N, C-alpha and C. Protein backbone atom coordinates (compact mmCIF):
# COMPACT_ATOMS: atom_id res chain seq x y z
N MET A 1 0.84 -1.18 0.00
CA MET A 1 0.00 0.00 0.00
C MET A 1 0.88 1.24 0.00
N ILE A 2 0.58 2.18 -0.88
CA ILE A 2 1.33 3.42 -1.00
C ILE A 2 0.47 4.55 -0.44
N VAL A 3 0.96 5.18 0.64
CA VAL A 3 0.23 6.29 1.26
C VAL A 3 1.06 7.54 1.02
N GLU A 4 0.60 8.38 0.12
CA GLU A 4 1.36 9.56 -0.32
C GLU A 4 0.39 10.56 -0.90
N ASP A 5 0.44 11.80 -0.40
CA ASP A 5 -0.51 12.80 -0.88
C ASP A 5 -0.10 13.42 -2.21
N ASP A 6 1.16 13.31 -2.59
CA ASP A 6 1.62 13.83 -3.87
C ASP A 6 1.30 12.79 -4.95
N GLN A 7 0.36 13.14 -5.83
CA GLN A 7 -0.10 12.17 -6.82
C GLN A 7 1.02 11.72 -7.75
N ASP A 8 1.91 12.63 -8.11
CA ASP A 8 3.01 12.27 -9.02
C ASP A 8 3.92 11.22 -8.38
N ILE A 9 4.29 11.45 -7.12
CA ILE A 9 5.16 10.49 -6.43
C ILE A 9 4.43 9.16 -6.26
N ARG A 10 3.16 9.24 -5.90
CA ARG A 10 2.37 8.02 -5.70
C ARG A 10 2.29 7.20 -6.99
N THR A 11 2.07 7.89 -8.09
CA THR A 11 1.96 7.20 -9.38
C THR A 11 3.29 6.59 -9.80
N ILE A 12 4.38 7.32 -9.60
CA ILE A 12 5.71 6.81 -9.97
C ILE A 12 6.03 5.53 -9.18
N ILE A 13 5.76 5.57 -7.87
CA ILE A 13 6.02 4.38 -7.04
C ILE A 13 5.16 3.21 -7.48
N ALA A 14 3.89 3.49 -7.77
CA ALA A 14 2.99 2.42 -8.20
C ALA A 14 3.46 1.79 -9.51
N ILE A 15 3.87 2.62 -10.46
CA ILE A 15 4.35 2.10 -11.74
C ILE A 15 5.60 1.25 -11.53
N LEU A 16 6.51 1.75 -10.68
CA LEU A 16 7.74 1.03 -10.39
C LEU A 16 7.45 -0.34 -9.79
N LEU A 17 6.54 -0.38 -8.83
CA LEU A 17 6.23 -1.65 -8.17
C LEU A 17 5.44 -2.59 -9.08
N ASN A 18 4.56 -2.03 -9.88
CA ASN A 18 3.81 -2.87 -10.82
C ASN A 18 4.74 -3.54 -11.82
N ARG A 19 5.77 -2.82 -12.24
CA ARG A 19 6.74 -3.40 -13.16
C ARG A 19 7.50 -4.56 -12.52
N GLU A 20 7.63 -4.50 -11.19
CA GLU A 20 8.34 -5.56 -10.46
C GLU A 20 7.40 -6.73 -10.11
N GLY A 21 6.14 -6.61 -10.51
CA GLY A 21 5.19 -7.70 -10.27
C GLY A 21 4.35 -7.58 -9.02
N TYR A 22 4.43 -6.43 -8.33
CA TYR A 22 3.64 -6.24 -7.12
C TYR A 22 2.27 -5.64 -7.47
N ASN A 23 1.26 -6.04 -6.73
CA ASN A 23 -0.04 -5.37 -6.79
C ASN A 23 -0.03 -4.24 -5.76
N THR A 24 -0.64 -3.13 -6.08
CA THR A 24 -0.58 -1.97 -5.18
C THR A 24 -1.96 -1.44 -4.83
N LEU A 25 -2.06 -0.94 -3.61
CA LEU A 25 -3.18 -0.13 -3.16
C LEU A 25 -2.65 1.28 -2.99
N GLN A 26 -3.52 2.29 -3.13
CA GLN A 26 -3.06 3.66 -2.99
C GLN A 26 -3.99 4.45 -2.06
N ALA A 27 -3.40 5.38 -1.33
CA ALA A 27 -4.17 6.28 -0.47
C ALA A 27 -3.49 7.63 -0.47
N ALA A 28 -4.29 8.70 -0.53
CA ALA A 28 -3.75 10.06 -0.56
C ALA A 28 -3.82 10.73 0.81
N THR A 29 -4.55 10.14 1.75
CA THR A 29 -4.69 10.72 3.09
C THR A 29 -4.54 9.61 4.14
N GLY A 30 -4.37 10.04 5.37
CA GLY A 30 -4.29 9.07 6.46
C GLY A 30 -5.59 8.30 6.63
N GLU A 31 -6.72 8.99 6.54
CA GLU A 31 -8.01 8.32 6.70
C GLU A 31 -8.22 7.27 5.60
N GLU A 32 -7.82 7.60 4.38
CA GLU A 32 -7.93 6.62 3.29
C GLU A 32 -7.06 5.40 3.59
N ALA A 33 -5.90 5.65 4.13
CA ALA A 33 -4.98 4.55 4.45
C ALA A 33 -5.60 3.61 5.48
N LEU A 34 -6.27 4.17 6.48
CA LEU A 34 -6.87 3.34 7.52
C LEU A 34 -8.02 2.50 6.98
N VAL A 35 -8.64 2.96 5.90
CA VAL A 35 -9.67 2.15 5.23
C VAL A 35 -9.01 1.06 4.39
N GLN A 36 -7.99 1.44 3.63
CA GLN A 36 -7.32 0.50 2.73
C GLN A 36 -6.59 -0.61 3.49
N VAL A 37 -6.11 -0.32 4.69
CA VAL A 37 -5.33 -1.32 5.43
C VAL A 37 -6.18 -2.52 5.82
N THR A 38 -7.49 -2.38 5.79
CA THR A 38 -8.37 -3.53 6.08
C THR A 38 -8.25 -4.60 4.99
N LYS A 39 -7.67 -4.24 3.85
CA LYS A 39 -7.44 -5.22 2.77
C LYS A 39 -6.15 -6.02 3.00
N LYS A 40 -5.51 -5.76 4.14
CA LYS A 40 -4.34 -6.52 4.61
C LYS A 40 -3.17 -6.51 3.63
N PRO A 41 -2.61 -5.34 3.34
CA PRO A 41 -1.41 -5.29 2.49
C PRO A 41 -0.23 -5.94 3.19
N ASP A 42 0.73 -6.43 2.39
CA ASP A 42 1.92 -7.09 2.94
C ASP A 42 2.98 -6.08 3.37
N LEU A 43 2.90 -4.85 2.86
CA LEU A 43 3.87 -3.82 3.20
C LEU A 43 3.23 -2.46 2.97
N ILE A 44 3.61 -1.49 3.79
CA ILE A 44 3.02 -0.16 3.70
C ILE A 44 4.13 0.87 3.52
N ILE A 45 4.06 1.64 2.44
CA ILE A 45 4.97 2.77 2.21
C ILE A 45 4.21 4.01 2.65
N LEU A 46 4.70 4.68 3.68
CA LEU A 46 3.91 5.70 4.37
C LEU A 46 4.63 7.04 4.41
N ASP A 47 4.03 8.02 3.75
CA ASP A 47 4.56 9.39 3.81
C ASP A 47 4.31 9.97 5.20
N VAL A 48 5.23 10.79 5.68
CA VAL A 48 5.06 11.39 7.00
C VAL A 48 4.10 12.57 6.94
N MET A 49 4.26 13.44 5.94
CA MET A 49 3.45 14.65 5.85
C MET A 49 2.21 14.39 5.01
N LEU A 50 1.07 14.18 5.67
CA LEU A 50 -0.20 13.96 5.00
C LEU A 50 -1.16 15.10 5.36
N PRO A 51 -2.17 15.33 4.55
CA PRO A 51 -3.02 16.51 4.75
C PRO A 51 -3.93 16.43 5.97
N ASP A 52 -4.19 15.22 6.48
CA ASP A 52 -5.08 15.12 7.64
C ASP A 52 -4.31 14.62 8.87
N LEU A 53 -4.09 13.33 8.94
CA LEU A 53 -3.28 12.76 10.02
C LEU A 53 -1.83 12.70 9.57
N ASP A 54 -0.90 12.88 10.49
CA ASP A 54 0.49 12.68 10.07
C ASP A 54 0.80 11.19 10.03
N GLY A 55 1.87 10.86 9.32
CA GLY A 55 2.21 9.46 9.11
C GLY A 55 2.45 8.70 10.40
N TYR A 56 2.98 9.37 11.42
CA TYR A 56 3.24 8.70 12.69
C TYR A 56 1.95 8.23 13.34
N GLU A 57 0.94 9.09 13.33
CA GLU A 57 -0.34 8.72 13.91
C GLU A 57 -1.00 7.59 13.10
N VAL A 58 -0.89 7.68 11.78
CA VAL A 58 -1.43 6.61 10.93
C VAL A 58 -0.77 5.28 11.28
N CYS A 59 0.54 5.29 11.44
CA CYS A 59 1.27 4.07 11.77
C CYS A 59 0.82 3.50 13.10
N ARG A 60 0.67 4.37 14.10
CA ARG A 60 0.23 3.89 15.41
C ARG A 60 -1.12 3.20 15.33
N ARG A 61 -2.02 3.77 14.53
CA ARG A 61 -3.36 3.17 14.40
C ARG A 61 -3.29 1.86 13.61
N ILE A 62 -2.46 1.84 12.58
CA ILE A 62 -2.30 0.61 11.78
C ILE A 62 -1.77 -0.51 12.65
N ARG A 63 -0.84 -0.19 13.55
CA ARG A 63 -0.20 -1.19 14.40
C ARG A 63 -1.18 -1.89 15.34
N LYS A 64 -2.36 -1.32 15.54
CA LYS A 64 -3.35 -1.98 16.39
C LYS A 64 -3.90 -3.24 15.74
N ASP A 65 -3.85 -3.30 14.41
CA ASP A 65 -4.44 -4.44 13.69
C ASP A 65 -3.48 -5.14 12.74
N SER A 66 -2.32 -4.56 12.47
CA SER A 66 -1.44 -5.13 11.46
C SER A 66 0.01 -5.09 11.90
N LEU A 67 0.75 -6.16 11.59
CA LEU A 67 2.19 -6.21 11.83
C LEU A 67 2.97 -6.14 10.52
N ALA A 68 2.28 -5.77 9.44
CA ALA A 68 2.96 -5.64 8.14
C ALA A 68 4.06 -4.59 8.25
N PRO A 69 5.20 -4.79 7.58
CA PRO A 69 6.28 -3.81 7.64
C PRO A 69 5.83 -2.43 7.15
N VAL A 70 6.32 -1.40 7.81
CA VAL A 70 6.02 -0.01 7.44
C VAL A 70 7.32 0.68 7.09
N LEU A 71 7.39 1.20 5.86
CA LEU A 71 8.54 1.96 5.39
C LEU A 71 8.12 3.42 5.30
N PHE A 72 8.70 4.27 6.15
CA PHE A 72 8.37 5.69 6.13
C PHE A 72 9.12 6.40 5.01
N LEU A 73 8.42 7.33 4.34
CA LEU A 73 9.04 8.27 3.42
C LEU A 73 9.01 9.64 4.10
N THR A 74 10.14 10.30 4.17
CA THR A 74 10.19 11.61 4.84
C THR A 74 11.13 12.54 4.10
N ALA A 75 10.78 13.82 4.11
CA ALA A 75 11.64 14.83 3.49
C ALA A 75 12.73 15.28 4.45
N LYS A 76 12.64 14.85 5.72
CA LYS A 76 13.60 15.27 6.73
C LYS A 76 14.50 14.09 7.12
N SER A 77 15.77 14.36 7.28
CA SER A 77 16.73 13.30 7.58
C SER A 77 17.24 13.36 9.01
N GLY A 78 16.62 14.22 9.84
CA GLY A 78 17.09 14.39 11.21
C GLY A 78 16.83 13.18 12.08
N LEU A 79 17.63 13.03 13.12
CA LEU A 79 17.50 11.91 14.03
C LEU A 79 16.15 11.91 14.72
N HIS A 80 15.62 13.10 15.03
CA HIS A 80 14.34 13.20 15.73
C HIS A 80 13.22 12.58 14.89
N GLU A 81 13.20 12.89 13.60
CA GLU A 81 12.15 12.36 12.73
C GLU A 81 12.25 10.84 12.61
N LYS A 82 13.51 10.35 12.48
CA LYS A 82 13.70 8.90 12.36
C LYS A 82 13.25 8.20 13.64
N THR A 83 13.59 8.80 14.77
CA THR A 83 13.20 8.21 16.05
C THR A 83 11.68 8.17 16.19
N GLN A 84 11.02 9.25 15.79
CA GLN A 84 9.56 9.28 15.85
C GLN A 84 8.95 8.14 15.03
N GLY A 85 9.52 7.91 13.85
CA GLY A 85 9.00 6.85 12.99
C GLY A 85 9.15 5.48 13.62
N LEU A 86 10.29 5.21 14.23
CA LEU A 86 10.53 3.92 14.87
C LEU A 86 9.63 3.75 16.09
N GLU A 87 9.46 4.81 16.87
CA GLU A 87 8.63 4.73 18.06
C GLU A 87 7.16 4.53 17.70
N ALA A 88 6.76 5.02 16.54
CA ALA A 88 5.37 4.86 16.09
C ALA A 88 5.10 3.44 15.59
N GLY A 89 6.17 2.66 15.40
CA GLY A 89 5.97 1.28 14.93
C GLY A 89 6.53 1.02 13.55
N GLY A 90 7.26 1.99 12.99
CA GLY A 90 7.84 1.79 11.67
C GLY A 90 9.02 0.84 11.70
N ASP A 91 9.32 0.23 10.56
CA ASP A 91 10.42 -0.71 10.45
C ASP A 91 11.63 -0.13 9.74
N ASP A 92 11.42 0.86 8.89
CA ASP A 92 12.52 1.45 8.13
C ASP A 92 12.07 2.82 7.65
N TYR A 93 13.02 3.62 7.14
CA TYR A 93 12.67 4.94 6.63
C TYR A 93 13.58 5.27 5.45
N LEU A 94 13.06 6.09 4.58
CA LEU A 94 13.79 6.50 3.39
C LEU A 94 13.56 7.99 3.19
N VAL A 95 14.65 8.72 2.97
CA VAL A 95 14.57 10.18 2.85
C VAL A 95 14.32 10.57 1.39
N LYS A 96 13.39 11.50 1.19
CA LYS A 96 13.15 12.06 -0.15
C LYS A 96 14.17 13.15 -0.44
N PRO A 97 14.59 13.30 -1.68
CA PRO A 97 14.32 12.41 -2.82
C PRO A 97 15.15 11.13 -2.69
N PHE A 98 14.66 10.05 -3.27
CA PHE A 98 15.32 8.77 -3.12
C PHE A 98 15.57 8.15 -4.49
N PHE A 99 16.51 7.24 -4.55
CA PHE A 99 16.77 6.50 -5.77
C PHE A 99 15.80 5.32 -5.84
N GLN A 100 15.27 5.08 -7.03
CA GLN A 100 14.32 3.99 -7.19
C GLN A 100 14.93 2.64 -6.80
N GLU A 101 16.22 2.47 -7.10
CA GLU A 101 16.89 1.21 -6.78
C GLU A 101 16.92 0.97 -5.27
N GLU A 102 17.16 2.06 -4.50
CA GLU A 102 17.21 1.92 -3.05
C GLU A 102 15.83 1.62 -2.50
N LEU A 103 14.80 2.26 -3.03
CA LEU A 103 13.43 1.98 -2.59
C LEU A 103 13.10 0.51 -2.81
N LEU A 104 13.40 0.00 -4.00
CA LEU A 104 13.11 -1.41 -4.29
C LEU A 104 13.90 -2.34 -3.38
N ALA A 105 15.15 -2.01 -3.13
CA ALA A 105 15.98 -2.87 -2.28
C ALA A 105 15.42 -2.94 -0.87
N ARG A 106 14.98 -1.81 -0.34
CA ARG A 106 14.43 -1.79 1.03
C ARG A 106 13.10 -2.55 1.08
N ILE A 107 12.28 -2.37 0.06
CA ILE A 107 11.00 -3.09 0.00
C ILE A 107 11.23 -4.59 -0.03
N LYS A 108 12.15 -5.03 -0.88
CA LYS A 108 12.41 -6.46 -1.00
C LYS A 108 12.95 -7.04 0.30
N ALA A 109 13.82 -6.29 0.99
CA ALA A 109 14.38 -6.77 2.25
C ALA A 109 13.29 -6.91 3.32
N LEU A 110 12.41 -5.90 3.42
CA LEU A 110 11.34 -5.96 4.41
C LEU A 110 10.36 -7.08 4.10
N LEU A 111 10.01 -7.23 2.83
CA LEU A 111 9.07 -8.30 2.44
C LEU A 111 9.68 -9.67 2.64
N ARG A 112 10.97 -9.80 2.37
CA ARG A 112 11.64 -11.10 2.53
C ARG A 112 11.53 -11.57 3.98
N ARG A 113 11.80 -10.67 4.92
CA ARG A 113 11.71 -11.05 6.33
C ARG A 113 10.27 -11.36 6.72
N TYR A 114 9.35 -10.51 6.26
CA TYR A 114 7.94 -10.69 6.62
C TYR A 114 7.39 -12.00 6.06
N GLU A 115 7.69 -12.28 4.79
CA GLU A 115 7.20 -13.50 4.16
C GLU A 115 7.83 -14.74 4.79
N MET A 116 9.08 -14.64 5.21
CA MET A 116 9.74 -15.79 5.82
C MET A 116 9.01 -16.20 7.09
N TYR A 117 8.72 -15.25 7.96
CA TYR A 117 8.04 -15.58 9.21
C TYR A 117 6.59 -16.02 8.96
N ARG A 118 5.90 -15.31 8.10
CA ARG A 118 4.51 -15.66 7.84
C ARG A 118 4.40 -16.99 7.14
N GLY A 119 5.30 -17.25 6.18
CA GLY A 119 5.28 -18.51 5.46
C GLY A 119 5.53 -19.69 6.36
N LYS A 120 6.46 -19.56 7.28
CA LYS A 120 6.75 -20.66 8.19
C LYS A 120 5.59 -20.89 9.14
N GLU A 121 4.89 -19.83 9.48
CA GLU A 121 3.72 -19.99 10.34
C GLU A 121 2.67 -20.84 9.66
N GLU A 122 2.55 -20.69 8.32
CA GLU A 122 1.52 -21.41 7.58
C GLU A 122 1.93 -22.85 7.26
N THR A 123 3.22 -23.12 7.13
CA THR A 123 3.65 -24.43 6.63
C THR A 123 4.31 -25.30 7.68
N GLU A 124 4.61 -24.77 8.86
CA GLU A 124 5.30 -25.56 9.87
C GLU A 124 4.52 -25.57 11.18
N PRO A 125 3.45 -26.37 11.27
CA PRO A 125 2.65 -26.38 12.48
C PRO A 125 3.39 -26.92 13.69
N ALA A 126 4.45 -27.72 13.47
CA ALA A 126 5.19 -28.31 14.59
C ALA A 126 6.46 -27.52 14.86
N ALA A 127 6.32 -26.21 14.93
CA ALA A 127 7.48 -25.34 15.12
C ALA A 127 8.10 -25.55 16.49
N GLN A 128 9.38 -25.25 16.60
CA GLN A 128 10.08 -25.37 17.86
C GLN A 128 9.95 -24.07 18.66
N TYR A 129 9.95 -24.19 19.96
CA TYR A 129 9.78 -23.03 20.82
C TYR A 129 10.94 -22.90 21.81
N ILE A 130 11.17 -21.67 22.24
CA ILE A 130 12.09 -21.39 23.32
C ILE A 130 11.23 -21.10 24.55
N GLU A 131 11.43 -21.87 25.61
CA GLU A 131 10.70 -21.65 26.85
C GLU A 131 11.61 -20.94 27.85
N ALA A 132 11.14 -19.84 28.41
CA ALA A 132 11.93 -19.09 29.41
C ALA A 132 10.98 -18.51 30.44
N GLY A 133 10.84 -19.20 31.56
CA GLY A 133 9.92 -18.74 32.58
C GLY A 133 8.50 -18.65 32.06
N CYS A 134 7.92 -17.46 32.13
CA CYS A 134 6.53 -17.27 31.68
C CYS A 134 6.43 -17.02 30.19
N PHE A 135 7.57 -16.99 29.49
CA PHE A 135 7.57 -16.69 28.06
C PHE A 135 7.73 -17.95 27.21
N ARG A 136 7.08 -17.94 26.06
CA ARG A 136 7.23 -18.99 25.04
C ARG A 136 7.43 -18.28 23.71
N VAL A 137 8.57 -18.53 23.08
CA VAL A 137 8.94 -17.82 21.85
C VAL A 137 9.14 -18.83 20.73
N ASN A 138 8.41 -18.65 19.64
CA ASN A 138 8.60 -19.50 18.48
C ASN A 138 9.94 -19.17 17.84
N LYS A 139 10.74 -20.18 17.55
CA LYS A 139 12.06 -19.96 16.98
C LYS A 139 12.00 -19.50 15.52
N ASP A 140 10.89 -19.80 14.85
CA ASP A 140 10.85 -19.61 13.40
C ASP A 140 10.04 -18.43 12.92
N PHE A 141 9.05 -18.00 13.69
CA PHE A 141 8.25 -16.86 13.23
C PHE A 141 7.71 -16.09 14.43
N ASN A 142 7.10 -14.96 14.13
CA ASN A 142 6.69 -13.99 15.15
C ASN A 142 5.50 -14.49 15.97
N GLU A 143 5.81 -15.29 16.97
CA GLU A 143 4.79 -15.77 17.90
C GLU A 143 5.41 -15.81 19.30
N VAL A 144 4.91 -14.96 20.18
CA VAL A 144 5.43 -14.86 21.54
C VAL A 144 4.24 -14.83 22.49
N THR A 145 4.32 -15.62 23.56
CA THR A 145 3.28 -15.58 24.57
C THR A 145 3.91 -15.36 25.95
N LYS A 146 3.14 -14.76 26.84
CA LYS A 146 3.54 -14.56 28.23
C LYS A 146 2.40 -15.06 29.10
N ASN A 147 2.68 -16.08 29.90
CA ASN A 147 1.65 -16.73 30.69
C ASN A 147 0.47 -17.18 29.82
N GLY A 148 0.80 -17.63 28.62
CA GLY A 148 -0.21 -18.14 27.70
C GLY A 148 -0.93 -17.09 26.89
N GLU A 149 -0.67 -15.81 27.17
CA GLU A 149 -1.32 -14.72 26.44
C GLU A 149 -0.41 -14.22 25.33
N ALA A 150 -0.98 -14.06 24.13
CA ALA A 150 -0.18 -13.62 22.98
C ALA A 150 0.29 -12.18 23.17
N ILE A 151 1.52 -11.90 22.74
CA ILE A 151 2.09 -10.56 22.79
C ILE A 151 2.30 -10.08 21.36
N ASP A 152 1.74 -8.95 21.02
CA ASP A 152 1.93 -8.37 19.68
C ASP A 152 3.23 -7.58 19.65
N MET A 153 4.05 -7.85 18.66
CA MET A 153 5.27 -7.07 18.45
C MET A 153 5.61 -7.11 16.98
N THR A 154 6.36 -6.11 16.52
CA THR A 154 6.79 -6.09 15.13
C THR A 154 7.85 -7.16 14.90
N ASP A 155 8.15 -7.43 13.64
CA ASP A 155 9.15 -8.44 13.33
C ASP A 155 10.53 -8.07 13.88
N ILE A 156 10.87 -6.79 13.84
CA ILE A 156 12.15 -6.35 14.40
C ILE A 156 12.19 -6.60 15.90
N GLU A 157 11.12 -6.23 16.60
CA GLU A 157 11.06 -6.46 18.03
C GLU A 157 11.14 -7.94 18.35
N TYR A 158 10.44 -8.75 17.56
CA TYR A 158 10.48 -10.20 17.76
C TYR A 158 11.90 -10.74 17.60
N LYS A 159 12.61 -10.29 16.58
CA LYS A 159 13.97 -10.79 16.35
C LYS A 159 14.91 -10.40 17.49
N ILE A 160 14.74 -9.19 18.02
CA ILE A 160 15.55 -8.78 19.16
C ILE A 160 15.22 -9.64 20.38
N PHE A 161 13.93 -9.82 20.63
CA PHE A 161 13.51 -10.59 21.80
C PHE A 161 13.95 -12.05 21.69
N ARG A 162 13.79 -12.64 20.52
CA ARG A 162 14.22 -14.03 20.32
C ARG A 162 15.71 -14.18 20.58
N LEU A 163 16.50 -13.22 20.09
CA LEU A 163 17.94 -13.26 20.30
C LEU A 163 18.28 -13.21 21.79
N LEU A 164 17.66 -12.29 22.52
CA LEU A 164 17.95 -12.13 23.94
C LEU A 164 17.50 -13.35 24.75
N VAL A 165 16.30 -13.88 24.41
CA VAL A 165 15.76 -15.01 25.15
C VAL A 165 16.56 -16.28 24.88
N GLN A 166 16.91 -16.47 23.60
CA GLN A 166 17.63 -17.70 23.23
C GLN A 166 18.97 -17.81 23.95
N TYR A 167 19.59 -16.65 24.18
CA TYR A 167 20.89 -16.64 24.89
C TYR A 167 20.73 -15.85 26.18
N HIS A 168 19.75 -16.26 26.99
CA HIS A 168 19.44 -15.50 28.21
C HIS A 168 20.66 -15.45 29.13
N ASN A 169 20.73 -14.33 29.79
CA ASN A 169 21.84 -13.98 30.69
C ASN A 169 23.11 -13.54 29.96
N LYS A 170 23.15 -13.72 28.65
CA LYS A 170 24.30 -13.22 27.89
C LYS A 170 24.10 -11.74 27.60
N ILE A 171 25.14 -10.95 27.76
CA ILE A 171 25.06 -9.52 27.50
C ILE A 171 25.34 -9.26 26.01
N PHE A 172 24.41 -8.56 25.38
CA PHE A 172 24.56 -8.20 23.97
C PHE A 172 24.78 -6.70 23.88
N SER A 173 25.86 -6.30 23.24
CA SER A 173 26.09 -4.88 23.00
C SER A 173 25.10 -4.39 21.94
N ILE A 174 24.94 -3.08 21.85
CA ILE A 174 24.06 -2.52 20.81
C ILE A 174 24.57 -2.94 19.43
N ARG A 175 25.87 -2.95 19.26
CA ARG A 175 26.43 -3.37 17.98
C ARG A 175 26.07 -4.82 17.68
N ASN A 176 26.18 -5.72 18.66
CA ASN A 176 25.80 -7.11 18.47
C ASN A 176 24.36 -7.23 18.01
N ILE A 177 23.47 -6.50 18.71
CA ILE A 177 22.05 -6.58 18.39
C ILE A 177 21.78 -6.06 16.99
N TYR A 178 22.34 -4.90 16.67
CA TYR A 178 22.06 -4.30 15.36
C TYR A 178 22.53 -5.20 14.22
N GLU A 179 23.75 -5.68 14.31
CA GLU A 179 24.29 -6.49 13.21
C GLU A 179 23.60 -7.85 13.12
N SER A 180 23.13 -8.39 14.24
CA SER A 180 22.44 -9.68 14.23
C SER A 180 21.03 -9.56 13.69
N VAL A 181 20.33 -8.50 14.05
CA VAL A 181 18.92 -8.35 13.71
C VAL A 181 18.72 -7.67 12.35
N TRP A 182 19.41 -6.56 12.14
CA TRP A 182 19.24 -5.83 10.87
C TRP A 182 20.10 -6.42 9.75
N GLU A 183 21.10 -7.19 10.13
CA GLU A 183 22.01 -7.82 9.15
C GLU A 183 22.67 -6.77 8.26
N LYS A 184 23.08 -5.67 8.89
CA LYS A 184 23.77 -4.58 8.21
C LYS A 184 24.98 -4.19 9.05
N PRO A 185 25.98 -3.56 8.44
CA PRO A 185 27.13 -3.09 9.23
C PRO A 185 26.68 -2.02 10.24
N TYR A 186 27.26 -2.06 11.42
CA TYR A 186 26.94 -1.12 12.48
C TYR A 186 27.41 0.29 12.11
N PHE A 187 26.62 1.31 12.50
CA PHE A 187 27.03 2.70 12.38
C PHE A 187 26.51 3.44 13.61
N TYR A 188 27.04 4.61 13.90
CA TYR A 188 26.79 5.27 15.18
C TYR A 188 25.30 5.52 15.43
N ASP A 189 24.56 5.98 14.42
CA ASP A 189 23.15 6.28 14.62
C ASP A 189 22.34 5.04 14.97
N ALA A 190 22.91 3.86 14.74
CA ALA A 190 22.20 2.61 15.06
C ALA A 190 21.94 2.50 16.56
N ASN A 191 22.76 3.17 17.39
CA ASN A 191 22.53 3.14 18.84
C ASN A 191 21.10 3.57 19.17
N ASN A 192 20.69 4.70 18.61
CA ASN A 192 19.36 5.22 18.90
C ASN A 192 18.29 4.29 18.35
N THR A 193 18.52 3.73 17.16
CA THR A 193 17.56 2.81 16.56
C THR A 193 17.31 1.62 17.47
N VAL A 194 18.38 1.02 17.97
CA VAL A 194 18.23 -0.15 18.85
C VAL A 194 17.54 0.24 20.15
N MET A 195 17.92 1.37 20.73
CA MET A 195 17.33 1.78 22.01
C MET A 195 15.82 2.04 21.89
N VAL A 196 15.41 2.60 20.74
CA VAL A 196 13.97 2.83 20.52
C VAL A 196 13.23 1.50 20.51
N HIS A 197 13.77 0.51 19.81
CA HIS A 197 13.10 -0.79 19.74
C HIS A 197 13.13 -1.51 21.09
N ILE A 198 14.19 -1.37 21.85
CA ILE A 198 14.24 -1.96 23.19
C ILE A 198 13.16 -1.34 24.07
N ARG A 199 12.99 -0.02 23.96
CA ARG A 199 11.96 0.66 24.74
C ARG A 199 10.57 0.15 24.38
N ARG A 200 10.31 -0.02 23.09
CA ARG A 200 9.01 -0.54 22.64
C ARG A 200 8.83 -1.99 23.09
N LEU A 201 9.90 -2.75 23.05
CA LEU A 201 9.84 -4.15 23.46
C LEU A 201 9.52 -4.27 24.95
N ARG A 202 10.11 -3.41 25.74
CA ARG A 202 9.80 -3.42 27.18
C ARG A 202 8.34 -3.08 27.43
N MET A 203 7.79 -2.16 26.63
CA MET A 203 6.37 -1.84 26.78
C MET A 203 5.50 -3.07 26.54
N ALA A 204 5.98 -3.97 25.69
CA ALA A 204 5.20 -5.15 25.34
C ALA A 204 5.34 -6.29 26.34
N VAL A 205 6.53 -6.46 26.93
CA VAL A 205 6.78 -7.68 27.72
C VAL A 205 6.92 -7.45 29.22
N GLU A 206 7.25 -6.24 29.64
CA GLU A 206 7.51 -6.01 31.06
C GLU A 206 6.21 -5.75 31.83
N ASP A 207 6.20 -6.17 33.10
CA ASP A 207 5.07 -5.83 33.97
C ASP A 207 5.06 -4.33 34.27
N ASP A 208 6.25 -3.77 34.46
CA ASP A 208 6.40 -2.32 34.68
C ASP A 208 7.57 -1.85 33.81
N PRO A 209 7.27 -1.33 32.62
CA PRO A 209 8.35 -0.94 31.69
C PRO A 209 9.32 0.08 32.28
N ARG A 210 8.88 0.86 33.26
CA ARG A 210 9.78 1.85 33.87
C ARG A 210 10.82 1.19 34.77
N HIS A 211 10.50 -0.03 35.24
CA HIS A 211 11.42 -0.78 36.08
C HIS A 211 11.53 -2.21 35.51
N PRO A 212 12.22 -2.35 34.40
CA PRO A 212 12.26 -3.65 33.72
C PRO A 212 12.98 -4.72 34.54
N THR A 213 12.40 -5.91 34.53
CA THR A 213 13.03 -7.04 35.23
C THR A 213 13.50 -8.12 34.27
N TYR A 214 12.94 -8.14 33.05
CA TYR A 214 13.31 -9.16 32.08
C TYR A 214 14.42 -8.67 31.15
N ILE A 215 14.22 -7.53 30.51
CA ILE A 215 15.23 -6.98 29.61
C ILE A 215 16.00 -5.92 30.39
N ARG A 216 17.16 -6.29 30.86
CA ARG A 216 17.93 -5.43 31.76
C ARG A 216 19.05 -4.71 31.02
N THR A 217 19.27 -3.50 31.43
CA THR A 217 20.38 -2.71 30.89
C THR A 217 21.63 -2.96 31.72
N GLU A 218 22.70 -3.34 31.06
CA GLU A 218 24.00 -3.46 31.71
C GLU A 218 24.81 -2.24 31.28
N TRP A 219 24.88 -1.24 32.13
CA TRP A 219 25.42 0.06 31.75
C TRP A 219 26.82 -0.05 31.17
N GLY A 220 26.98 0.56 30.01
CA GLY A 220 28.27 0.56 29.34
C GLY A 220 28.56 -0.71 28.57
N ARG A 221 27.66 -1.69 28.67
CA ARG A 221 27.92 -2.98 28.02
C ARG A 221 26.82 -3.39 27.05
N GLY A 222 25.55 -3.20 27.43
CA GLY A 222 24.47 -3.58 26.53
C GLY A 222 23.25 -4.05 27.29
N TYR A 223 22.58 -5.09 26.76
CA TYR A 223 21.34 -5.60 27.33
C TYR A 223 21.42 -7.12 27.49
N ARG A 224 20.66 -7.62 28.44
CA ARG A 224 20.55 -9.07 28.59
C ARG A 224 19.17 -9.42 29.09
N PHE A 225 18.72 -10.63 28.77
CA PHE A 225 17.41 -11.12 29.21
C PHE A 225 17.61 -11.98 30.45
N VAL A 226 16.82 -11.69 31.48
CA VAL A 226 16.89 -12.44 32.73
C VAL A 226 15.49 -12.93 33.07
N CYS A 227 15.36 -14.21 33.35
CA CYS A 227 14.06 -14.76 33.75
C CYS A 227 14.31 -15.68 34.94
N GLU A 228 14.15 -15.13 36.14
CA GLU A 228 14.47 -15.88 37.36
C GLU A 228 13.30 -16.71 37.86
């Protein structure tokens, strides 16, 4: 789904994706996007500056019903804007103007991860699980429960949580987490990216996110999962 109020940009992206074999939905406003998302798109390209709701608010509302990857398009490259997008539930961001090749590469990477987890959910009913105290984490796709209750999290959050739980009590530096989960070389701004996702993850799994007991910060070293 392409959510973009500029018709020219929206049309160009649609033509590009159609040539690659993708089917597309289009929305020019946030409200239109919230209607279109009921058709369950596999990925959402979301402009930040929309005429009614801003992209961050649209993403937050979408996240109530969908875990599909969200790629933000923004004219601003500042750290604050990127952080806002991640905190709203976005998975990646791309600054305008952008190269078509980079847009396609990011879309394919997000879809590849999403399809891998969803596909395994459909074809592997006897999946293996990691058991850690009150948590049960599927090793193969985004399925996490706490005391038998399902926990909703994005694919990025799931990959971070699975990594920490699988090697509980091991301290992972931010660099370890970033390179393991994003599968990209570490860079300085990645610190903030990882911290935003850890904060969102704590909101999902901790009894009191302000005083985390499961995902603990080891100052100067990184994070570790503890389940006593």
